[in-house]
């Protein structure tokens, strides 16, 4: 029986296997590992991902929603929805009371079995609902935050890097689902 790999080492090996274009991720793997391990563990425990992006990353939201569960499934499907599909007027909410109402609706709809995955600028109001939950997962720009993988919004290669990070996430999800890597340690 093959030994299950440690997620930090597995991530490093996977980054290196992807080639030189992924080398920038090597130095950020210490941010990547704990935040992503928590998200993967929640997925393995059956929680639904509620995906939220800032407006500039809507393209990535659509990409993730369309590619995480392809038509030719090679793994069990992952439950994922966007906050916009749950509440189409999400951009119009303001203030803590409205966020409370939306959060209550999500809690009732998903029976508290979900976590937020936010991708975007840290100072964007769309991040506020995710920042209220300790189990949220972030790919956040220009801000240090718990359970986050930090990137720079002014990086000229940000879009390419986001796609590469998603590739690593997808590979990590496969590894976790198929028992190749332990995300609980």
C-alpha atoms as a PDB file:
ATOM      1  CA  UNK A   1       0.000   0.000   0.000  1.00  0.00           C
ATOM      2  CA  UNK A   2       1.350   3.392  -1.017  1.00  0.00           C
ATOM      3  CA  UNK A   3       1.850   5.968   1.741  1.00  0.00           C
ATOM      4  CA  UNK A   4      -0.336   9.062   1.625  1.00  0.00           C
ATOM      5  CA  UNK A   5       1.752  12.191   1.028  1.00  0.00           C
ATOM      6  CA  UNK A   6       1.944  15.232   3.284  1.00  0.00           C
ATOM      7  CA  UNK A   7       0.098  18.118   1.582  1.00  0.00           C
ATOM      8  CA  UNK A   8       2.980  20.612   1.886  1.00  0.00           C
ATOM      9  CA  UNK A   9       5.457  18.221   0.260  1.00  0.00           C
ATOM     10  CA  UNK A  10       2.902  17.052  -2.280  1.00  0.00           C
ATOM     11  CA  UNK A  11       2.200  20.688  -3.248  1.00  0.00           C
ATOM     12  CA  UNK A  12       5.908  21.387  -3.709  1.00  0.00           C
ATOM     13  CA  UNK A  13       6.368  18.271  -5.831  1.00  0.00           C
ATOM     14  CA  UNK A  14       3.295  19.145  -7.922  1.00  0.00           C
ATOM     15  CA  UNK A  15       4.431  22.742  -8.454  1.00  0.00           C
ATOM     16  CA  UNK A  16       7.819  21.507  -9.623  1.00  0.00           C
ATOM     17  CA  UNK A  17       6.235  18.891 -11.889  1.00  0.00           C
ATOM     18  CA  UNK A  18       4.171  21.599 -13.617  1.00  0.00           C
ATOM     19  CA  UNK A  19       7.391  23.227 -14.828  1.00  0.00           C
ATOM     20  CA  UNK A  20       9.176  26.545 -14.743  1.00  0.00           C
ATOM     21  CA  UNK A  21       6.067  28.656 -15.327  1.00  0.00           C
ATOM     22  CA  UNK A  22       4.805  27.557 -11.901  1.00  0.00           C
ATOM     23  CA  UNK A  23       8.076  28.315 -10.081  1.00  0.00           C
ATOM     24  CA  UNK A  24       6.664  31.540  -8.590  1.00  0.00           C
ATOM     25  CA  UNK A  25       4.269  29.379  -6.574  1.00  0.00           C
ATOM     26  CA  UNK A  26       7.111  27.580  -4.846  1.00  0.00           C
ATOM     27  CA  UNK A  27       7.916  30.503  -2.544  1.00  0.00           C
ATOM     28  CA  UNK A  28       4.220  31.000  -1.712  1.00  0.00           C
ATOM     29  CA  UNK A  29       3.500  27.369  -0.866  1.00  0.00           C
ATOM     30  CA  UNK A  30       3.579  28.096   2.886  1.00  0.00           C
ATOM     31  CA  UNK A  31       0.562  30.390   2.421  1.00  0.00           C
ATOM     32  CA  UNK A  32      -1.036  27.975  -0.032  1.00  0.00           C
ATOM     33  CA  UNK A  33      -0.813  24.836   2.075  1.00  0.00           C
ATOM     34  CA  UNK A  34      -2.812  25.605   5.263  1.00  0.00           C
ATOM     35  CA  UNK A  35      -5.528  27.670   3.572  1.00  0.00           C
ATOM     36  CA  UNK A  36      -6.071  25.187   0.759  1.00  0.00           C
ATOM     37  CA  UNK A  37      -5.896  22.154   3.055  1.00  0.00           C
ATOM     38  CA  UNK A  38      -8.773  23.624   5.101  1.00  0.00           C
ATOM     39  CA  UNK A  39     -10.846  24.207   1.959  1.00  0.00           C
ATOM     40  CA  UNK A  40     -10.148  20.712   0.627  1.00  0.00           C
ATOM     41  CA  UNK A  41     -11.004  19.131   3.966  1.00  0.00           C
ATOM     42  CA  UNK A  42     -14.353  20.938   3.933  1.00  0.00           C
ATOM     43  CA  UNK A  43     -15.049  19.707   0.397  1.00  0.00           C
ATOM     44  CA  UNK A  44     -14.190  16.134   1.426  1.00  0.00           C
ATOM     45  CA  UNK A  45     -16.614  16.513   4.335  1.00  0.00           C
ATOM     46  CA  UNK A  46     -19.411  17.334   1.895  1.00  0.00           C
ATOM     47  CA  UNK A  47     -19.664  21.089   2.261  1.00  0.00           C
ATOM     48  CA  UNK A  48     -20.824  23.226  -0.641  1.00  0.00           C
ATOM     49  CA  UNK A  49     -18.543  25.946  -1.979  1.00  0.00           C
ATOM     50  CA  UNK A  50     -20.197  29.351  -2.266  1.00  0.00           C
ATOM     51  CA  UNK A  51     -17.939  31.151  -4.731  1.00  0.00           C
ATOM     52  CA  UNK A  52     -17.626  34.931  -4.591  1.00  0.00           C
ATOM     53  CA  UNK A  53     -15.384  37.097  -6.741  1.00  0.00           C
ATOM     54  CA  UNK A  54     -14.934  40.805  -7.106  1.00  0.00           C
ATOM     55  CA  UNK A  55     -16.234  42.272 -10.371  1.00  0.00           C
ATOM     56  CA  UNK A  56     -12.838  42.157 -12.097  1.00  0.00           C
ATOM     57  CA  UNK A  57     -12.627  38.390 -11.486  1.00  0.00           C
ATOM     58  CA  UNK A  58     -16.114  37.457 -12.756  1.00  0.00           C
ATOM     59  CA  UNK A  59     -14.383  35.743 -15.678  1.00  0.00           C
ATOM     60  CA  UNK A  60     -12.577  33.464 -13.218  1.00  0.00           C
ATOM     61  CA  UNK A  61     -15.813  32.718 -11.385  1.00  0.00           C
ATOM     62  CA  UNK A  62     -17.374  31.582 -14.656  1.00  0.00           C
ATOM     63  CA  UNK A  63     -14.284  29.561 -15.527  1.00  0.00           C
ATOM     64  CA  UNK A  64     -14.251  27.775 -12.153  1.00  0.00           C
ATOM     65  CA  UNK A  65     -17.996  27.082 -12.233  1.00  0.00           C
ATOM     66  CA  UNK A  66     -17.751  25.604 -15.730  1.00  0.00           C
ATOM     67  CA  UNK A  67     -14.546  23.609 -15.254  1.00  0.00           C
ATOM     68  CA  UNK A  68     -14.591  22.219 -11.708  1.00  0.00           C
ATOM     69  CA  UNK A  69     -17.231  19.660 -12.722  1.00  0.00           C
ATOM     70  CA  UNK A  70     -16.555  18.967 -16.414  1.00  0.00           C
ATOM     71  CA  UNK A  71     -18.941  16.910 -18.558  1.00  0.00           C
ATOM     72  CA  UNK A  72     -16.497  14.003 -18.422  1.00  0.00           C
ATOM     73  CA  UNK A  73     -16.154  13.567 -14.694  1.00  0.00           C
ATOM     74  CA  UNK A  74     -12.944  11.954 -13.567  1.00  0.00           C
ATOM     75  CA  UNK A  75     -13.853  12.448  -9.916  1.00  0.00           C
ATOM     76  CA  UNK A  76     -17.027  12.866  -7.879  1.00  0.00           C
ATOM     77  CA  UNK A  77     -18.687  16.219  -8.618  1.00  0.00           C
ATOM     78  CA  UNK A  78     -18.007  19.067  -6.228  1.00  0.00           C
ATOM     79  CA  UNK A  79     -21.011  21.002  -4.917  1.00  0.00           C
ATOM     80  CA  UNK A  80     -20.393  24.622  -5.907  1.00  0.00           C
ATOM     81  CA  UNK A  81     -22.589  27.671  -6.475  1.00  0.00           C
ATOM     82  CA  UNK A  82     -21.895  31.357  -6.874  1.00  0.00           C
ATOM     83  CA  UNK A  83     -23.278  33.879  -4.425  1.00  0.00           C
ATOM     84  CA  UNK A  84     -24.810  35.589  -7.451  1.00  0.00           C
ATOM     85  CA  UNK A  85     -26.841  32.478  -8.285  1.00  0.00           C
ATOM     86  CA  UNK A  86     -28.115  32.344  -4.702  1.00  0.00           C
ATOM     87  CA  UNK A  87     -28.910  36.050  -4.588  1.00  0.00           C
ATOM     88  CA  UNK A  88     -28.709  37.872  -7.945  1.00  0.00           C
ATOM     89  CA  UNK A  89     -28.791  41.294  -6.267  1.00  0.00           C
ATOM     90  CA  UNK A  90     -25.733  40.620  -4.131  1.00  0.00           C
ATOM     91  CA  UNK A  91     -23.926  43.678  -5.542  1.00  0.00           C
ATOM     92  CA  UNK A  92     -26.660  45.909  -4.143  1.00  0.00           C
ATOM     93  CA  UNK A  93     -26.369  44.852  -0.512  1.00  0.00           C
ATOM     94  CA  UNK A  94     -24.840  47.272   1.908  1.00  0.00           C
ATOM     95  CA  UNK A  95     -24.456  47.259   5.635  1.00  0.00           C
ATOM     96  CA  UNK A  96     -24.293  44.533   8.224  1.00  0.00           C
ATOM     97  CA  UNK A  97     -28.053  44.002   8.469  1.00  0.00           C
ATOM     98  CA  UNK A  98     -28.368  43.090   4.789  1.00  0.00           C
ATOM     99  CA  UNK A  99     -25.335  40.808   5.013  1.00  0.00           C
ATOM    100  CA  UNK A 100     -27.003  39.113   8.012  1.00  0.00           C
ATOM    101  CA  UNK A 101     -30.161  38.517   5.958  1.00  0.00           C
ATOM    102  CA  UNK A 102     -28.200  37.053   3.023  1.00  0.00           C
ATOM    103  CA  UNK A 103     -26.123  34.905   5.375  1.00  0.00           C
ATOM    104  CA  UNK A 104     -29.316  33.614   7.032  1.00  0.00           C
ATOM    105  CA  UNK A 105     -30.707  32.707   3.606  1.00  0.00           C
ATOM    106  CA  UNK A 106     -27.496  30.824   2.713  1.00  0.00           C
ATOM    107  CA  UNK A 107     -27.534  29.061   6.113  1.00  0.00           C
ATOM    108  CA  UNK A 108     -31.119  27.909   5.585  1.00  0.00           C
ATOM    109  CA  UNK A 109     -30.598  26.930   1.933  1.00  0.00           C
ATOM    110  CA  UNK A 110     -27.400  24.980   2.500  1.00  0.00           C
ATOM    111  CA  UNK A 111     -28.173  23.809   6.048  1.00  0.00           C
ATOM    112  CA  UNK A 112     -24.948  25.404   7.347  1.00  0.00           C
ATOM    113  CA  UNK A 113     -22.949  22.902   5.282  1.00  0.00           C
ATOM    114  CA  UNK A 114     -20.979  25.367   3.164  1.00  0.00           C
ATOM    115  CA  UNK A 115     -18.008  27.675   3.110  1.00  0.00           C
ATOM    116  CA  UNK A 116     -17.273  30.843   1.181  1.00  0.00           C
ATOM    117  CA  UNK A 117     -14.443  30.949  -1.357  1.00  0.00           C
ATOM    118  CA  UNK A 118     -13.611  34.570  -2.127  1.00  0.00           C
ATOM    119  CA  UNK A 119     -11.314  35.636  -4.954  1.00  0.00           C
ATOM    120  CA  UNK A 120     -10.494  39.309  -5.356  1.00  0.00           C
ATOM    121  CA  UNK A 121      -9.391  42.539  -3.762  1.00  0.00           C
ATOM    122  CA  UNK A 122      -9.407  42.504   0.020  1.00  0.00           C
ATOM    123  CA  UNK A 123     -11.042  45.906   0.260  1.00  0.00           C
ATOM    124  CA  UNK A 124     -13.969  44.956  -1.983  1.00  0.00           C
ATOM    125  CA  UNK A 125     -17.388  44.916  -0.294  1.00  0.00           C
ATOM    126  CA  UNK A 126     -18.145  41.547  -1.929  1.00  0.00           C
ATOM    127  CA  UNK A 127     -15.557  40.048   0.459  1.00  0.00           C
ATOM    128  CA  UNK A 128     -17.411  41.211   3.576  1.00  0.00           C
ATOM    129  CA  UNK A 129     -19.732  38.208   3.882  1.00  0.00           C
ATOM    130  CA  UNK A 130     -16.815  35.756   3.575  1.00  0.00           C
ATOM    131  CA  UNK A 131     -14.740  37.682   6.111  1.00  0.00           C
ATOM    132  CA  UNK A 132     -17.420  37.028   8.722  1.00  0.00           C
ATOM    133  CA  UNK A 133     -16.854  33.252   8.648  1.00  0.00           C
ATOM    134  CA  UNK A 134     -13.783  31.555  10.135  1.00  0.00           C
ATOM    135  CA  UNK A 135     -13.911  28.707   7.639  1.00  0.00           C
ATOM    136  CA  UNK A 136     -13.857  30.867   4.490  1.00  0.00           C
ATOM    137  CA  UNK A 137     -11.161  30.361   1.879  1.00  0.00           C
ATOM    138  CA  UNK A 138      -9.531  33.347   0.206  1.00  0.00           C
ATOM    139  CA  UNK A 139      -7.409  34.142  -2.801  1.00  0.00           C
ATOM    140  CA  UNK A 140      -7.109  37.731  -1.742  1.00  0.00           C
ATOM    141  CA  UNK A 141      -5.179  40.645  -3.193  1.00  0.00           C
ATOM    142  CA  UNK A 142      -3.111  43.214  -1.336  1.00  0.00           C
ATOM    143  CA  UNK A 143      -4.205  42.076   2.120  1.00  0.00           C
ATOM    144  CA  UNK A 144      -3.136  39.503   4.683  1.00  0.00           C
ATOM    145  CA  UNK A 145      -6.097  37.571   5.966  1.00  0.00           C
ATOM    146  CA  UNK A 146      -6.749  34.286   7.774  1.00  0.00           C
ATOM    147  CA  UNK A 147      -7.126  31.219   5.511  1.00  0.00           C
ATOM    148  CA  UNK A 148      -5.809  33.152   2.570  1.00  0.00           C
ATOM    149  CA  UNK A 149      -3.507  32.831  -0.357  1.00  0.00           C
ATOM    150  CA  UNK A 150      -2.227  36.335  -1.063  1.00  0.00           C
ATOM    151  CA  UNK A 151      -1.528  37.850  -4.462  1.00  0.00           C
ATOM    152  CA  UNK A 152      -0.773  41.370  -5.697  1.00  0.00           C
ATOM    153  CA  UNK A 153      -3.458  43.133  -7.722  1.00  0.00           C
ATOM    154  CA  UNK A 154      -0.839  45.162  -9.579  1.00  0.00           C
ATOM    155  CA  UNK A 155       0.997  42.057 -10.819  1.00  0.00           C
ATOM    156  CA  UNK A 156       1.129  42.288 -14.629  1.00  0.00           C
ATOM    157  CA  UNK A 157       0.683  38.505 -14.808  1.00  0.00           C
ATOM    158  CA  UNK A 158      -2.152  38.228 -12.274  1.00  0.00           C
ATOM    159  CA  UNK A 159      -4.676  36.601 -14.616  1.00  0.00           C
ATOM    160  CA  UNK A 160      -2.169  33.971 -15.720  1.00  0.00           C
ATOM    161  CA  UNK A 161      -1.214  33.315 -12.114  1.00  0.00           C
ATOM    162  CA  UNK A 162      -4.864  32.918 -11.112  1.00  0.00           C
ATOM    163  CA  UNK A 163      -5.301  30.257 -13.783  1.00  0.00           C
ATOM    164  CA  UNK A 164      -2.149  28.514 -12.581  1.00  0.00           C
ATOM    165  CA  UNK A 165      -3.346  28.623  -8.975  1.00  0.00           C
ATOM    166  CA  UNK A 166      -6.656  27.166 -10.092  1.00  0.00           C
ATOM    167  CA  UNK A 167      -4.767  24.388 -11.892  1.00  0.00           C
ATOM    168  CA  UNK A 168      -2.902  23.626  -8.649  1.00  0.00           C
ATOM    169  CA  UNK A 169      -6.201  23.714  -6.734  1.00  0.00           C
ATOM    170  CA  UNK A 170      -7.784  21.288  -9.207  1.00  0.00           C
ATOM    171  CA  UNK A 171      -4.802  18.920  -8.983  1.00  0.00           C
ATOM    172  CA  UNK A 172      -4.921  19.199  -5.185  1.00  0.00           C
ATOM    173  CA  UNK A 173      -8.627  18.387  -5.189  1.00  0.00           C
ATOM    174  CA  UNK A 174      -7.959  15.277  -7.263  1.00  0.00           C
ATOM    175  CA  UNK A 175      -5.110  14.260  -4.968  1.00  0.00           C
ATOM    176  CA  UNK A 176      -7.264  14.711  -1.863  1.00  0.00           C
ATOM    177  CA  UNK A 177     -10.288  12.914  -3.314  1.00  0.00           C
ATOM    178  CA  UNK A 178      -8.264   9.947  -4.519  1.00  0.00           C
ATOM    179  CA  UNK A 179      -6.324   9.589  -1.266  1.00  0.00           C
ATOM    180  CA  UNK A 180      -2.949  10.563  -2.722  1.00  0.00           C
ATOM    181  CA  UNK A 181      -2.465  13.391  -0.250  1.00  0.00           C
ATOM    182  CA  UNK A 182      -3.479  14.001   3.363  1.00  0.00           C
ATOM    183  CA  UNK A 183      -5.033  17.439   3.811  1.00  0.00           C
ATOM    184  CA  UNK A 184      -5.941  16.891   7.462  1.00  0.00           C
ATOM    185  CA  UNK A 185      -2.427  17.035   8.938  1.00  0.00           C
END
